[in-house]
Structure formats: structure tokens, C-alpha cells
C-alpha atoms as a PDB file:
ATOM      1  CA  UNK A   1      10.532 -34.823 -38.715  1.00  0.00           C
ATOM      2  CA  UNK A   2      13.353 -35.960 -36.273  1.00  0.00           C
ATOM      3  CA  UNK A   3      14.362 -32.290 -35.953  1.00  0.00           C
ATOM      4  CA  UNK A   4      10.573 -31.122 -35.241  1.00  0.00           C
ATOM      5  CA  UNK A   5       9.914 -33.661 -32.744  1.00  0.00           C
ATOM      6  CA  UNK A   6      13.297 -32.817 -30.849  1.00  0.00           C
ATOM      7  CA  UNK A   7      12.404 -29.253 -31.025  1.00  0.00           C
ATOM      8  CA  UNK A   8       8.843 -29.958 -29.730  1.00  0.00           C
ATOM      9  CA  UNK A   9      10.464 -31.886 -26.717  1.00  0.00           C
ATOM     10  CA  UNK A  10      12.910 -29.283 -26.181  1.00  0.00           C
ATOM     11  CA  UNK A  11      10.389 -26.480 -25.707  1.00  0.00           C
ATOM     12  CA  UNK A  12       8.242 -28.742 -23.480  1.00  0.00           C
ATOM     13  CA  UNK A  13      11.220 -29.561 -21.296  1.00  0.00           C
ATOM     14  CA  UNK A  14      12.058 -25.890 -20.809  1.00  0.00           C
ATOM     15  CA  UNK A  15       8.349 -24.992 -20.173  1.00  0.00           C
ATOM     16  CA  UNK A  16       8.214 -27.825 -17.498  1.00  0.00           C
ATOM     17  CA  UNK A  17      11.556 -27.126 -15.765  1.00  0.00           C
ATOM     18  CA  UNK A  18      10.521 -23.305 -15.867  1.00  0.00           C
ATOM     19  CA  UNK A  19       7.541 -23.980 -14.026  1.00  0.00           C
ATOM     20  CA  UNK A  20       8.963 -26.503 -10.931  1.00  0.00           C
ATOM     21  CA  UNK A  21      11.577 -23.477 -10.471  1.00  0.00           C
ATOM     22  CA  UNK A  22      10.559 -21.543  -7.528  1.00  0.00           C
ATOM     23  CA  UNK A  23      11.213 -17.863  -7.436  1.00  0.00           C
ATOM     24  CA  UNK A  24      13.209 -16.363  -4.434  1.00  0.00           C
ATOM     25  CA  UNK A  25      12.753 -12.861  -3.073  1.00  0.00           C
ATOM     26  CA  UNK A  26      15.201 -10.960  -1.086  1.00  0.00           C
ATOM     27  CA  UNK A  27      13.411  -8.603   1.026  1.00  0.00           C
ATOM     28  CA  UNK A  28      15.138  -5.553   2.172  1.00  0.00           C
ATOM     29  CA  UNK A  29      16.184  -6.262   5.852  1.00  0.00           C
ATOM     30  CA  UNK A  30      16.345  -9.979   5.728  1.00  0.00           C
ATOM     31  CA  UNK A  31      19.229 -11.879   4.674  1.00  0.00           C
ATOM     32  CA  UNK A  32      17.284 -15.112   3.703  1.00  0.00           C
ATOM     33  CA  UNK A  33      15.420 -15.385   0.708  1.00  0.00           C
ATOM     34  CA  UNK A  34      11.766 -16.240   0.572  1.00  0.00           C
ATOM     35  CA  UNK A  35       9.447 -17.531  -1.871  1.00  0.00           C
ATOM     36  CA  UNK A  36       6.786 -15.225  -0.798  1.00  0.00           C
ATOM     37  CA  UNK A  37       6.242 -11.617   0.305  1.00  0.00           C
ATOM     38  CA  UNK A  38       4.662 -11.136   3.487  1.00  0.00           C
ATOM     39  CA  UNK A  39       2.112  -8.277   3.462  1.00  0.00           C
ATOM     40  CA  UNK A  40       0.073  -6.616   6.104  1.00  0.00           C
ATOM     41  CA  UNK A  41      -3.472  -7.582   6.465  1.00  0.00           C
ATOM     42  CA  UNK A  42      -6.042  -4.906   5.228  1.00  0.00           C
ATOM     43  CA  UNK A  43      -9.603  -4.933   5.536  1.00  0.00           C
ATOM     44  CA  UNK A  44     -11.643  -3.560   2.423  1.00  0.00           C
ATOM     45  CA  UNK A  45     -14.930  -1.994   2.973  1.00  0.00           C
ATOM     46  CA  UNK A  46     -17.804  -1.421   0.601  1.00  0.00           C
ATOM     47  CA  UNK A  47     -17.762   2.279  -0.995  1.00  0.00           C
ATOM     48  CA  UNK A  48     -20.210   4.212   1.193  1.00  0.00           C
ATOM     49  CA  UNK A  49     -23.345   5.048  -0.920  1.00  0.00           C
ATOM     50  CA  UNK A  50     -26.312   7.203   0.175  1.00  0.00           C
ATOM     51  CA  UNK A  51     -29.986   7.110  -1.202  1.00  0.00           C
ATOM     52  CA  UNK A  52     -29.987  11.069  -0.749  1.00  0.00           C
ATOM     53  CA  UNK A  53     -28.141  13.998   0.918  1.00  0.00           C
ATOM     54  CA  UNK A  54     -30.082  13.612   4.105  1.00  0.00           C
ATOM     55  CA  UNK A  55     -28.997  10.252   4.638  1.00  0.00           C
ATOM     56  CA  UNK A  56     -25.417  11.157   3.804  1.00  0.00           C
ATOM     57  CA  UNK A  57     -25.601  14.272   6.082  1.00  0.00           C
ATOM     58  CA  UNK A  58     -26.963  12.030   8.928  1.00  0.00           C
ATOM     59  CA  UNK A  59     -24.064   9.519   8.326  1.00  0.00           C
ATOM     60  CA  UNK A  60     -21.239  12.125   8.717  1.00  0.00           C
ATOM     61  CA  UNK A  61     -23.008  13.755  11.616  1.00  0.00           C
ATOM     62  CA  UNK A  62     -22.901  10.357  13.394  1.00  0.00           C
ATOM     63  CA  UNK A  63     -19.676  10.031  12.470  1.00  0.00           C
ATOM     64  CA  UNK A  64     -18.357  13.345  13.701  1.00  0.00           C
ATOM     65  CA  UNK A  65     -20.008  12.943  17.131  1.00  0.00           C
ATOM     66  CA  UNK A  66     -19.058   9.108  17.462  1.00  0.00           C
ATOM     67  CA  UNK A  67     -15.292   9.872  16.869  1.00  0.00           C
ATOM     68  CA  UNK A  68     -15.511  12.869  19.148  1.00  0.00           C
ATOM     69  CA  UNK A  69     -16.949  10.804  22.292  1.00  0.00           C
ATOM     70  CA  UNK A  70     -15.257   7.260  21.686  1.00  0.00           C
ATOM     71  CA  UNK A  71     -12.158   8.051  23.323  1.00  0.00           C
ATOM     72  CA  UNK A  72     -14.177   8.910  26.646  1.00  0.00           C
ATOM     73  CA  UNK A  73     -15.815   5.313  26.456  1.00  0.00           C
ATOM     74  CA  UNK A  74     -12.543   4.028  26.167  1.00  0.00           C
ATOM     75  CA  UNK A  75     -11.361   5.935  28.982  1.00  0.00           C
ATOM     76  CA  UNK A  76     -14.658   5.083  31.033  1.00  0.00           C
ATOM     77  CA  UNK A  77     -13.918   1.062  30.146  1.00  0.00           C
ATOM     78  CA  UNK A  78     -10.322   1.180  31.079  1.00  0.00           C
ATOM     79  CA  UNK A  79     -11.100   3.087  34.446  1.00  0.00           C
ATOM     80  CA  UNK A  80     -13.570   0.540  35.130  1.00  0.00           C
ATOM     81  CA  UNK A  81     -11.237  -2.222  34.712  1.00  0.00           C
ATOM     82  CA  UNK A  82      -8.623  -0.591  37.080  1.00  0.00           C
ATOM     83  CA  UNK A  83     -11.607   0.175  39.576  1.00  0.00           C
ATOM     84  CA  UNK A  84     -12.804  -3.519  39.678  1.00  0.00           C
ATOM     85  CA  UNK A  85      -9.242  -4.849  40.033  1.00  0.00           C
ATOM     86  CA  UNK A  86      -8.521  -2.746  42.957  1.00  0.00           C
ATOM     87  CA  UNK A  87     -11.897  -3.393  44.663  1.00  0.00           C
ATOM     88  CA  UNK A  88     -11.205  -6.877  44.793  1.00  0.00           C
ATOM     89  CA  UNK A  89      -7.855  -6.133  46.958  1.00  0.00           C
ATOM     90  CA  UNK A  90      -9.881  -3.783  49.336  1.00  0.00           C
ATOM     91  CA  UNK A  91     -11.406  -5.595  52.356  1.00  0.00           C
ATOM     92  CA  UNK A  92     -14.782  -4.320  53.642  1.00  0.00           C
ATOM     93  CA  UNK A  93     -18.149  -2.905  52.085  1.00  0.00           C
ATOM     94  CA  UNK A  94     -17.636   0.693  53.572  1.00  0.00           C
ATOM     95  CA  UNK A  95     -13.967   0.894  52.321  1.00  0.00           C
ATOM     96  CA  UNK A  96     -15.052  -0.027  48.766  1.00  0.00           C
ATOM     97  CA  UNK A  97     -17.511   2.459  49.013  1.00  0.00           C
ATOM     98  CA  UNK A  98     -15.511   5.121  50.124  1.00  0.00           C
ATOM     99  CA  UNK A  99     -12.751   4.333  47.275  1.00  0.00           C
ATOM    100  CA  UNK A 100     -15.484   4.353  44.607  1.00  0.00           C
ATOM    101  CA  UNK A 101     -16.710   7.519  45.790  1.00  0.00           C
ATOM    102  CA  UNK A 102     -13.037   8.878  45.730  1.00  0.00           C
ATOM    103  CA  UNK A 103     -12.495   7.582  42.209  1.00  0.00           C
ATOM    104  CA  UNK A 104     -15.972   9.320  41.308  1.00  0.00           C
ATOM    105  CA  UNK A 105     -14.828  12.534  42.440  1.00  0.00           C
ATOM    106  CA  UNK A 106     -11.422  12.318  41.013  1.00  0.00           C
ATOM    107  CA  UNK A 107     -13.151  11.224  37.343  1.00  0.00           C
ATOM    108  CA  UNK A 108     -15.646  14.093  37.716  1.00  0.00           C
ATOM    109  CA  UNK A 109     -12.908  16.746  38.349  1.00  0.00           C
ATOM    110  CA  UNK A 110     -11.001  15.546  35.482  1.00  0.00           C
ATOM    111  CA  UNK A 111     -13.606  15.212  32.870  1.00  0.00           C
ATOM    112  CA  UNK A 112     -16.483  17.497  34.106  1.00  0.00           C
ATOM    113  CA  UNK A 113     -15.634  20.405  31.983  1.00  0.00           C
ATOM    114  CA  UNK A 114     -15.209  18.316  28.605  1.00  0.00           C
ATOM    115  CA  UNK A 115     -18.249  16.131  29.218  1.00  0.00           C
ATOM    116  CA  UNK A 116     -20.639  19.319  29.938  1.00  0.00           C
ATOM    117  CA  UNK A 117     -19.584  20.562  26.602  1.00  0.00           C
ATOM    118  CA  UNK A 118     -21.571  17.952  24.852  1.00  0.00           C
ATOM    119  CA  UNK A 119     -24.406  18.137  23.026  1.00  0.00           C
ATOM    120  CA  UNK A 120     -27.297  15.717  24.043  1.00  0.00           C
ATOM    121  CA  UNK A 121     -27.098  13.506  21.136  1.00  0.00           C
ATOM    122  CA  UNK A 122     -23.179  13.252  21.696  1.00  0.00           C
ATOM    123  CA  UNK A 123     -24.186  12.233  25.228  1.00  0.00           C
ATOM    124  CA  UNK A 124     -26.547   9.520  24.116  1.00  0.00           C
ATOM    125  CA  UNK A 125     -23.777   8.211  21.882  1.00  0.00           C
ATOM    126  CA  UNK A 126     -21.261   8.157  24.418  1.00  0.00           C
ATOM    127  CA  UNK A 127     -23.846   6.139  26.601  1.00  0.00           C
ATOM    128  CA  UNK A 128     -24.279   3.666  23.898  1.00  0.00           C
ATOM    129  CA  UNK A 129     -20.284   3.370  23.228  1.00  0.00           C
ATOM    130  CA  UNK A 130     -19.942   2.974  27.312  1.00  0.00           C
ATOM    131  CA  UNK A 131     -22.191   0.037  26.758  1.00  0.00           C
ATOM    132  CA  UNK A 132     -20.415  -1.342  23.834  1.00  0.00           C
ATOM    133  CA  UNK A 133     -17.044  -1.171  25.637  1.00  0.00           C
ATOM    134  CA  UNK A 134     -18.256  -2.580  28.913  1.00  0.00           C
ATOM    135  CA  UNK A 135     -21.068  -4.847  28.463  1.00  0.00           C
ATOM    136  CA  UNK A 136     -23.430  -2.814  30.871  1.00  0.00           C
ATOM    137  CA  UNK A 137     -25.595   0.055  30.689  1.00  0.00           C
ATOM    138  CA  UNK A 138     -24.578   3.419  32.464  1.00  0.00           C
ATOM    139  CA  UNK A 139     -27.673   2.781  34.746  1.00  0.00           C
ATOM    140  CA  UNK A 140     -26.295  -0.702  35.692  1.00  0.00           C
ATOM    141  CA  UNK A 141     -22.961   0.382  36.290  1.00  0.00           C
ATOM    142  CA  UNK A 142     -24.051   3.238  38.807  1.00  0.00           C
ATOM    143  CA  UNK A 143     -26.436   1.141  40.288  1.00  0.00           C
ATOM    144  CA  UNK A 144     -23.614  -1.685  40.667  1.00  0.00           C
ATOM    145  CA  UNK A 145     -20.880   0.898  41.796  1.00  0.00           C
ATOM    146  CA  UNK A 146     -22.829   3.322  44.118  1.00  0.00           C
ATOM    147  CA  UNK A 147     -26.467   2.186  44.723  1.00  0.00           C
ATOM    148  CA  UNK A 148     -29.849   1.769  43.038  1.00  0.00           C
ATOM    149  CA  UNK A 149     -31.237   5.516  44.503  1.00  0.00           C
ATOM    150  CA  UNK A 150     -27.990   7.374  42.628  1.00  0.00           C
ATOM    151  CA  UNK A 151     -28.486   5.319  39.721  1.00  0.00           C
ATOM    152  CA  UNK A 152     -32.531   6.317  39.656  1.00  0.00           C
ATOM    153  CA  UNK A 153     -31.483  10.260  40.318  1.00  0.00           C
ATOM    154  CA  UNK A 154     -28.901   9.903  37.553  1.00  0.00           C
ATOM    155  CA  UNK A 155     -31.655   8.505  35.265  1.00  0.00           C
ATOM    156  CA  UNK A 156     -34.362  11.168  36.412  1.00  0.00           C
ATOM    157  CA  UNK A 157     -31.638  13.934  35.946  1.00  0.00           C
ATOM    158  CA  UNK A 158     -30.701  12.513  32.434  1.00  0.00           C
ATOM    159  CA  UNK A 159     -34.499  12.306  31.197  1.00  0.00           C
ATOM    160  CA  UNK A 160     -34.719  16.089  31.800  1.00  0.00           C
ATOM    161  CA  UNK A 161     -32.193  16.390  28.880  1.00  0.00           C
ATOM    162  CA  UNK A 162     -33.727  13.686  26.761  1.00  0.00           C
ATOM    163  CA  UNK A 163     -31.530  11.268  27.391  1.00  0.00           C
ATOM    164  CA  UNK A 164     -31.882   7.786  28.934  1.00  0.00           C
ATOM    165  CA  UNK A 165     -28.593   5.989  30.810  1.00  0.00           C
ATOM    166  CA  UNK A 166     -30.438   2.703  30.382  1.00  0.00           C
ATOM    167  CA  UNK A 167     -30.090   2.585  26.419  1.00  0.00           C
ATOM    168  CA  UNK A 168     -28.205  -0.405  25.061  1.00  0.00           C
ATOM    169  CA  UNK A 169     -25.995  -0.670  22.070  1.00  0.00           C
ATOM    170  CA  UNK A 170     -27.516  -2.601  19.390  1.00  0.00           C
ATOM    171  CA  UNK A 171     -26.051  -2.451  15.878  1.00  0.00           C
ATOM    172  CA  UNK A 172     -28.293  -5.551  14.548  1.00  0.00           C
ATOM    173  CA  UNK A 173     -31.454  -3.687  14.967  1.00  0.00           C
ATOM    174  CA  UNK A 174     -31.090  -0.127  15.239  1.00  0.00           C
ATOM    175  CA  UNK A 175     -30.058   1.829  12.489  1.00  0.00           C
ATOM    176  CA  UNK A 176     -28.124   4.549  14.496  1.00  0.00           C
ATOM    177  CA  UNK A 177     -26.075   1.755  16.054  1.00  0.00           C
ATOM    178  CA  UNK A 178     -25.223   0.081  12.982  1.00  0.00           C
ATOM    179  CA  UNK A 179     -23.834   3.510  11.542  1.00  0.00           C
ATOM    180  CA  UNK A 180     -21.882   3.876  14.716  1.00  0.00           C
ATOM    181  CA  UNK A 181     -20.447   0.403  14.378  1.00  0.00           C
ATOM    182  CA  UNK A 182     -19.436   1.170  10.710  1.00  0.00           C
ATOM    183  CA  UNK A 183     -17.835   4.258  11.726  1.00  0.00           C
ATOM    184  CA  UNK A 184     -15.732   2.734  14.347  1.00  0.00           C
ATOM    185  CA  UNK A 185     -14.752  -0.399  11.891  1.00  0.00           C
ATOM    186  CA  UNK A 186     -13.628   2.050   9.287  1.00  0.00           C
ATOM    187  CA  UNK A 187     -11.905   4.394  11.661  1.00  0.00           C
ATOM    188  CA  UNK A 188      -9.831   1.445  13.134  1.00  0.00           C
ATOM    189  CA  UNK A 189      -8.849   0.143   9.780  1.00  0.00           C
ATOM    190  CA  UNK A 190      -7.620   3.551   8.254  1.00  0.00           C
ATOM    191  CA  UNK A 191      -6.167   4.350  11.787  1.00  0.00           C
ATOM    192  CA  UNK A 192      -8.170   7.885  12.120  1.00  0.00           C
ATOM    193  CA  UNK A 193      -9.227   6.906  15.698  1.00  0.00           C
ATOM    194  CA  UNK A 194      -7.785   9.359  18.129  1.00  0.00           C
ATOM    195  CA  UNK A 195      -7.572   8.127  21.679  1.00  0.00           C
ATOM    196  CA  UNK A 196      -5.926  10.942  23.169  1.00  0.00           C
ATOM    197  CA  UNK A 197      -8.250  13.245  24.915  1.00  0.00           C
ATOM    198  CA  UNK A 198      -5.901  16.425  25.604  1.00  0.00           C
END
């Protein structure tokens, strides 16, 4: 009986001792052992499921168009930030207008060939993405940087192609915008966004 009690206590002691002991890992490239392994954060999205082929086709069409025009929206946002930084340093309203026109012509020469190749639906997605990146509609941006007449004339021209430059981005209430947001989040998570316009 004494041997049995001794044996049970011996095994309990080993089990308690092994639970208290920390296991240390030596990570490659580090000289200090650690009790944990640091991992990169990942985002797990639910698997895409579609009710029918038409819904699936719509999702992948919007995905293709979004990934095509998103770099232009990022470029527009960064150029707008730079323009606003420089406009603060320029004194005088006429000098600011002159500089704004100069930047507009530069951007037009740089991007007009590529933007003319966009389809109507790609253009509308681009307008939504510019709103997403800047927080302002294209109409408001033109009105702010140029004038109200220029904004109205651009809007009238866009209406000929069934596009509205007053369109806002609203993923909570508009299904297409929700798809665009899902596409962008997934693309950033799997690093498939290509921001190079060359």
C-alpha cells in the first residue's frame, strides 16, 4: 500500500512539474529563446457563395473592373493631397487658379489616353472609388478646385455617357458598392492589388 501511494504521488509530482515548466523556442535569426512564436496577422474572409451563375458573373465582373481602376483612384487621392499641400504655400487667388490649371493639364496629358480606354461602368466605379479615397464627389472636387461652372459642364458631359460625377460611395446601402468594398478588402489581404499604372 505504501508503494502504491508513493507511486501515485510520484506520478502526480511529475505531472505538476511538467505543467509548470515553460517550453522555450529558439527562432531562426534570433539569439534569445522565447516562450511564444510571433506570427503575422491574417484576415480570414468567408468563402464566396453565390445564388446563381449570374450573381457570380456580376461579382467577378465588378472585381475585374475595380482592380483595373483602383490605381487611378489612389493616384487621384495622392495628387489631390500634394495639390492641397502646395496650394497652402501659394499666395493669391489667381496664382492658385493658375497652378491648379497647370496641374490639371499635366494630369490630363499623363492619364487621358489610359482613361479614354475605360468603359462607362469602369468610369462610374472610378468615380465611386475617388469618393472612397477622398471623401468628396468628383463634382465637389472640381467645384472646389476650379469653379461651379466647370463642375456643371463636366457633369453634363458625363450624363451623355450615363455617368454621374455626383455619385457617392455607400457600401452599407448599395449592393455594387458592397461588392467593391469586399473586393478591395480581399485584394489587400491577399496582396493582389497592383498600384503600378505602367
